[in-house]
Amino acid sequence: MANTKQAKKRVRQAEKNRRHNASYLSMMRTYIKRVVVAIETEKSAEAAGAAYRGAVPIIDRMAARGLIHRNRAARHKSRLLARIRKLTTTESLPVQ
C-alpha cells in the first residue's frame, strides 16, 4: 500500500484512468462487434460497410490516445475490411 501522500494520489489517479480507459476500450469493442454482426447476420456489404465506416474513426482515436497500439488498430481495420470485401465478391458471383 502507498505510504506517501504523493503515492496515494498516484493510486487514485491510476484507478480513475483505468476506469476511463476501460470504458473507451469497451466502446471500441462494441463498434467492432457491430461490424462483425453486420457481416455475419445481414450478409450485406452495404450494411457492413456502413458499420465499418462508423468503427474506423473510433479505432483510430483509441490508437491516437495510446489505449491500443497503432499496429493493433491497423490489424483490426484490415481484418474487418477483408471480411467485408469477401462479402462483396460473393455477392457479385452469378447464382446458379
N, C-alpha and C. Protein backbone atom coordinates (compact mmCIF):
# COMPACT_ATOMS: atom_id res chain seq x y z
N MET A 1 0.84 -1.19 0.00
CA MET A 1 0.00 0.00 0.00
C MET A 1 0.87 1.24 0.00
N ALA A 2 0.39 2.28 -0.64
CA ALA A 2 1.15 3.53 -0.75
C ALA A 2 1.24 4.20 0.62
N ASN A 3 2.42 4.73 0.92
CA ASN A 3 2.64 5.37 2.21
C ASN A 3 2.66 6.89 2.12
N THR A 4 3.26 7.42 1.10
CA THR A 4 3.39 8.87 1.00
C THR A 4 2.14 9.48 0.39
N LYS A 5 1.99 10.75 0.61
CA LYS A 5 0.85 11.49 0.07
C LYS A 5 0.85 11.43 -1.46
N GLN A 6 2.03 11.58 -2.03
CA GLN A 6 2.18 11.54 -3.49
C GLN A 6 1.80 10.18 -4.04
N ALA A 7 2.22 9.12 -3.38
CA ALA A 7 1.92 7.77 -3.84
C ALA A 7 0.43 7.47 -3.73
N LYS A 8 -0.20 7.97 -2.69
CA LYS A 8 -1.64 7.77 -2.54
C LYS A 8 -2.40 8.47 -3.65
N LYS A 9 -1.94 9.66 -4.01
CA LYS A 9 -2.58 10.39 -5.10
C LYS A 9 -2.40 9.64 -6.41
N ARG A 10 -1.23 9.08 -6.65
CA ARG A 10 -0.98 8.32 -7.87
C ARG A 10 -1.88 7.09 -7.95
N VAL A 11 -2.14 6.47 -6.80
CA VAL A 11 -3.05 5.32 -6.76
C VAL A 11 -4.44 5.76 -7.18
N ARG A 12 -4.90 6.89 -6.64
CA ARG A 12 -6.23 7.41 -7.01
C ARG A 12 -6.28 7.74 -8.50
N GLN A 13 -5.24 8.38 -9.01
CA GLN A 13 -5.21 8.75 -10.43
C GLN A 13 -5.19 7.52 -11.32
N ALA A 14 -4.41 6.52 -10.92
CA ALA A 14 -4.30 5.31 -11.74
C ALA A 14 -5.65 4.60 -11.81
N GLU A 15 -6.38 4.55 -10.71
CA GLU A 15 -7.69 3.90 -10.70
C GLU A 15 -8.69 4.67 -11.56
N LYS A 16 -8.64 5.99 -11.47
CA LYS A 16 -9.53 6.82 -12.29
C LYS A 16 -9.22 6.62 -13.77
N ASN A 17 -7.95 6.61 -14.13
CA ASN A 17 -7.55 6.41 -15.53
C ASN A 17 -7.91 5.01 -16.02
N ARG A 18 -7.77 4.01 -15.15
CA ARG A 18 -8.10 2.64 -15.53
C ARG A 18 -9.58 2.54 -15.89
N ARG A 19 -10.44 3.13 -15.05
CA ARG A 19 -11.88 3.10 -15.35
C ARG A 19 -12.20 3.83 -16.64
N HIS A 20 -11.58 4.97 -16.83
CA HIS A 20 -11.81 5.78 -18.03
C HIS A 20 -11.38 5.01 -19.27
N ASN A 21 -10.20 4.43 -19.22
CA ASN A 21 -9.69 3.67 -20.37
C ASN A 21 -10.53 2.44 -20.64
N ALA A 22 -11.01 1.80 -19.58
CA ALA A 22 -11.83 0.60 -19.75
C ALA A 22 -13.12 0.93 -20.49
N SER A 23 -13.69 2.09 -20.21
CA SER A 23 -14.93 2.46 -20.90
C SER A 23 -14.67 2.72 -22.38
N TYR A 24 -13.54 3.34 -22.69
CA TYR A 24 -13.20 3.60 -24.10
C TYR A 24 -12.92 2.30 -24.84
N LEU A 25 -12.21 1.37 -24.20
CA LEU A 25 -11.92 0.09 -24.84
C LEU A 25 -13.21 -0.69 -25.07
N SER A 26 -14.14 -0.60 -24.11
CA SER A 26 -15.42 -1.27 -24.27
C SER A 26 -16.18 -0.68 -25.45
N MET A 27 -16.15 0.64 -25.59
CA MET A 27 -16.82 1.29 -26.71
C MET A 27 -16.23 0.82 -28.04
N MET A 28 -14.90 0.73 -28.09
CA MET A 28 -14.25 0.29 -29.32
C MET A 28 -14.66 -1.14 -29.66
N ARG A 29 -14.67 -2.02 -28.66
CA ARG A 29 -15.07 -3.40 -28.91
C ARG A 29 -16.52 -3.48 -29.38
N THR A 30 -17.38 -2.62 -28.87
CA THR A 30 -18.77 -2.59 -29.29
C THR A 30 -18.89 -2.23 -30.76
N TYR A 31 -18.13 -1.23 -31.20
CA TYR A 31 -18.16 -0.83 -32.60
C TYR A 31 -17.64 -1.95 -33.50
N ILE A 32 -16.61 -2.65 -33.05
CA ILE A 32 -16.07 -3.77 -33.82
C ILE A 32 -17.11 -4.89 -33.91
N LYS A 33 -17.79 -5.16 -32.80
CA LYS A 33 -18.81 -6.20 -32.80
C LYS A 33 -19.96 -5.85 -33.73
N ARG A 34 -20.30 -4.55 -33.84
CA ARG A 34 -21.37 -4.15 -34.75
C ARG A 34 -21.01 -4.50 -36.20
N VAL A 35 -19.74 -4.32 -36.54
CA VAL A 35 -19.31 -4.67 -37.90
C VAL A 35 -19.39 -6.17 -38.10
N VAL A 36 -18.90 -6.93 -37.13
CA VAL A 36 -18.91 -8.39 -37.23
C VAL A 36 -20.34 -8.91 -37.34
N VAL A 37 -21.24 -8.37 -36.54
CA VAL A 37 -22.64 -8.80 -36.58
C VAL A 37 -23.25 -8.46 -37.93
N ALA A 38 -22.94 -7.28 -38.46
CA ALA A 38 -23.46 -6.89 -39.77
C ALA A 38 -22.95 -7.83 -40.85
N ILE A 39 -21.72 -8.27 -40.73
CA ILE A 39 -21.15 -9.19 -41.72
C ILE A 39 -21.83 -10.55 -41.61
N GLU A 40 -21.98 -11.05 -40.40
CA GLU A 40 -22.48 -12.41 -40.21
C GLU A 40 -23.98 -12.55 -40.38
N THR A 41 -24.75 -11.58 -39.95
CA THR A 41 -26.20 -11.74 -39.98
C THR A 41 -26.84 -11.21 -41.24
N GLU A 42 -26.45 -10.01 -41.64
CA GLU A 42 -27.14 -9.38 -42.76
C GLU A 42 -26.61 -9.84 -44.11
N LYS A 43 -25.39 -10.29 -44.15
CA LYS A 43 -24.76 -10.74 -45.39
C LYS A 43 -24.86 -9.66 -46.48
N SER A 44 -24.87 -8.41 -46.04
CA SER A 44 -24.97 -7.30 -46.97
C SER A 44 -23.71 -6.44 -46.84
N ALA A 45 -23.03 -6.23 -47.94
CA ALA A 45 -21.81 -5.44 -47.91
C ALA A 45 -22.11 -3.98 -47.57
N GLU A 46 -23.28 -3.50 -47.96
CA GLU A 46 -23.62 -2.10 -47.69
C GLU A 46 -23.79 -1.87 -46.19
N ALA A 47 -24.51 -2.75 -45.52
CA ALA A 47 -24.72 -2.60 -44.08
C ALA A 47 -23.41 -2.77 -43.34
N ALA A 48 -22.62 -3.74 -43.75
CA ALA A 48 -21.33 -3.95 -43.11
C ALA A 48 -20.39 -2.78 -43.35
N GLY A 49 -20.45 -2.23 -44.57
CA GLY A 49 -19.62 -1.07 -44.88
C GLY A 49 -19.99 0.14 -44.05
N ALA A 50 -21.28 0.34 -43.83
CA ALA A 50 -21.72 1.46 -43.01
C ALA A 50 -21.23 1.29 -41.57
N ALA A 51 -21.32 0.08 -41.04
CA ALA A 51 -20.84 -0.19 -39.68
C ALA A 51 -19.33 -0.01 -39.62
N TYR A 52 -18.63 -0.44 -40.66
CA TYR A 52 -17.17 -0.29 -40.72
C TYR A 52 -16.77 1.18 -40.73
N ARG A 53 -17.48 1.99 -41.52
CA ARG A 53 -17.16 3.42 -41.58
C ARG A 53 -17.40 4.10 -40.23
N GLY A 54 -18.31 3.57 -39.44
CA GLY A 54 -18.51 4.10 -38.10
C GLY A 54 -17.44 3.65 -37.13
N ALA A 55 -16.89 2.48 -37.35
CA ALA A 55 -15.91 1.92 -36.42
C ALA A 55 -14.50 2.46 -36.63
N VAL A 56 -14.16 2.78 -37.87
CA VAL A 56 -12.78 3.19 -38.17
C VAL A 56 -12.33 4.42 -37.38
N PRO A 57 -13.12 5.50 -37.31
CA PRO A 57 -12.65 6.65 -36.52
C PRO A 57 -12.49 6.33 -35.04
N ILE A 58 -13.32 5.44 -34.52
CA ILE A 58 -13.21 5.07 -33.11
C ILE A 58 -11.92 4.29 -32.87
N ILE A 59 -11.62 3.35 -33.77
CA ILE A 59 -10.40 2.56 -33.64
C ILE A 59 -9.17 3.47 -33.75
N ASP A 60 -9.20 4.39 -34.72
CA ASP A 60 -8.08 5.32 -34.88
C ASP A 60 -7.91 6.22 -33.66
N ARG A 61 -9.01 6.65 -33.09
CA ARG A 61 -8.95 7.51 -31.91
C ARG A 61 -8.33 6.79 -30.73
N MET A 62 -8.66 5.51 -30.57
CA MET A 62 -8.09 4.75 -29.46
C MET A 62 -6.58 4.58 -29.65
N ALA A 63 -6.16 4.40 -30.90
CA ALA A 63 -4.73 4.28 -31.17
C ALA A 63 -4.03 5.62 -30.92
N ALA A 64 -4.67 6.71 -31.31
CA ALA A 64 -4.07 8.02 -31.11
C ALA A 64 -3.93 8.36 -29.63
N ARG A 65 -4.86 7.89 -28.82
CA ARG A 65 -4.81 8.14 -27.38
C ARG A 65 -3.86 7.19 -26.67
N GLY A 66 -3.38 6.19 -27.37
CA GLY A 66 -2.44 5.26 -26.77
C GLY A 66 -3.10 4.12 -26.02
N LEU A 67 -4.41 3.95 -26.18
CA LEU A 67 -5.08 2.86 -25.49
C LEU A 67 -4.81 1.53 -26.16
N ILE A 68 -4.58 1.56 -27.47
CA ILE A 68 -4.14 0.36 -28.19
C ILE A 68 -2.99 0.77 -29.09
N HIS A 69 -2.16 -0.17 -29.45
CA HIS A 69 -1.03 0.11 -30.33
C HIS A 69 -1.54 0.37 -31.73
N ARG A 70 -0.84 1.21 -32.46
CA ARG A 70 -1.29 1.57 -33.82
C ARG A 70 -1.30 0.35 -34.74
N ASN A 71 -0.43 -0.61 -34.51
CA ASN A 71 -0.44 -1.82 -35.33
C ASN A 71 -1.68 -2.66 -35.03
N ARG A 72 -2.12 -2.66 -33.78
CA ARG A 72 -3.33 -3.39 -33.44
C ARG A 72 -4.54 -2.74 -34.11
N ALA A 73 -4.56 -1.41 -34.14
CA ALA A 73 -5.65 -0.70 -34.82
C ALA A 73 -5.65 -1.04 -36.30
N ALA A 74 -4.47 -1.05 -36.91
CA ALA A 74 -4.37 -1.38 -38.33
C ALA A 74 -4.81 -2.81 -38.59
N ARG A 75 -4.46 -3.71 -37.69
CA ARG A 75 -4.83 -5.11 -37.85
C ARG A 75 -6.35 -5.30 -37.77
N HIS A 76 -6.99 -4.61 -36.81
CA HIS A 76 -8.45 -4.68 -36.70
C HIS A 76 -9.10 -4.19 -37.99
N LYS A 77 -8.67 -3.03 -38.46
CA LYS A 77 -9.28 -2.45 -39.65
C LYS A 77 -9.05 -3.33 -40.87
N SER A 78 -7.87 -3.86 -41.00
CA SER A 78 -7.53 -4.70 -42.14
C SER A 78 -8.37 -5.97 -42.17
N ARG A 79 -8.49 -6.63 -41.03
CA ARG A 79 -9.24 -7.88 -40.97
C ARG A 79 -10.73 -7.67 -41.20
N LEU A 80 -11.26 -6.58 -40.65
CA LEU A 80 -12.68 -6.29 -40.88
C LEU A 80 -12.94 -5.99 -42.35
N LEU A 81 -12.08 -5.16 -42.94
CA LEU A 81 -12.26 -4.80 -44.34
C LEU A 81 -12.12 -6.02 -45.25
N ALA A 82 -11.21 -6.93 -44.92
CA ALA A 82 -11.05 -8.14 -45.71
C ALA A 82 -12.33 -8.98 -45.68
N ARG A 83 -12.97 -9.05 -44.52
CA ARG A 83 -14.22 -9.81 -44.42
C ARG A 83 -15.33 -9.14 -45.22
N ILE A 84 -15.35 -7.81 -45.22
CA ILE A 84 -16.37 -7.09 -45.99
C ILE A 84 -16.13 -7.29 -47.49
N ARG A 85 -14.88 -7.22 -47.90
CA ARG A 85 -14.57 -7.43 -49.32
C ARG A 85 -14.91 -8.84 -49.76
N LYS A 86 -14.75 -9.79 -48.87
CA LYS A 86 -15.12 -11.16 -49.17
C LYS A 86 -16.63 -11.26 -49.42
N LEU A 87 -17.40 -10.48 -48.68
CA LEU A 87 -18.86 -10.43 -48.90
C LEU A 87 -19.18 -9.88 -50.28
N THR A 88 -18.48 -8.82 -50.68
CA THR A 88 -18.78 -8.20 -51.97
C THR A 88 -18.45 -9.13 -53.12
N THR A 89 -17.41 -9.94 -52.99
CA THR A 89 -17.07 -10.86 -54.08
C THR A 89 -18.09 -11.99 -54.16
N THR A 90 -18.61 -12.42 -53.01
CA THR A 90 -19.62 -13.49 -53.06
C THR A 90 -20.96 -12.96 -53.57
N GLU A 91 -21.23 -11.66 -53.34
CA GLU A 91 -22.48 -11.08 -53.84
C GLU A 91 -22.45 -10.93 -55.35
N SER A 92 -21.27 -10.68 -55.90
CA SER A 92 -21.19 -10.43 -57.35
C SER A 92 -21.14 -11.71 -58.18
N LEU A 93 -20.97 -12.87 -57.52
CA LEU A 93 -20.94 -14.12 -58.27
C LEU A 93 -22.34 -14.46 -58.80
N PRO A 94 -22.42 -15.01 -59.99
CA PRO A 94 -23.73 -15.37 -60.51
C PRO A 94 -24.33 -16.54 -59.74
N VAL A 95 -25.62 -16.49 -59.53
CA VAL A 95 -26.32 -17.55 -58.82
C VAL A 95 -26.74 -18.61 -59.82
N GLN A 96 -26.50 -19.87 -59.50
CA GLN A 96 -26.83 -20.94 -60.43
C GLN A 96 -28.08 -21.66 -60.03
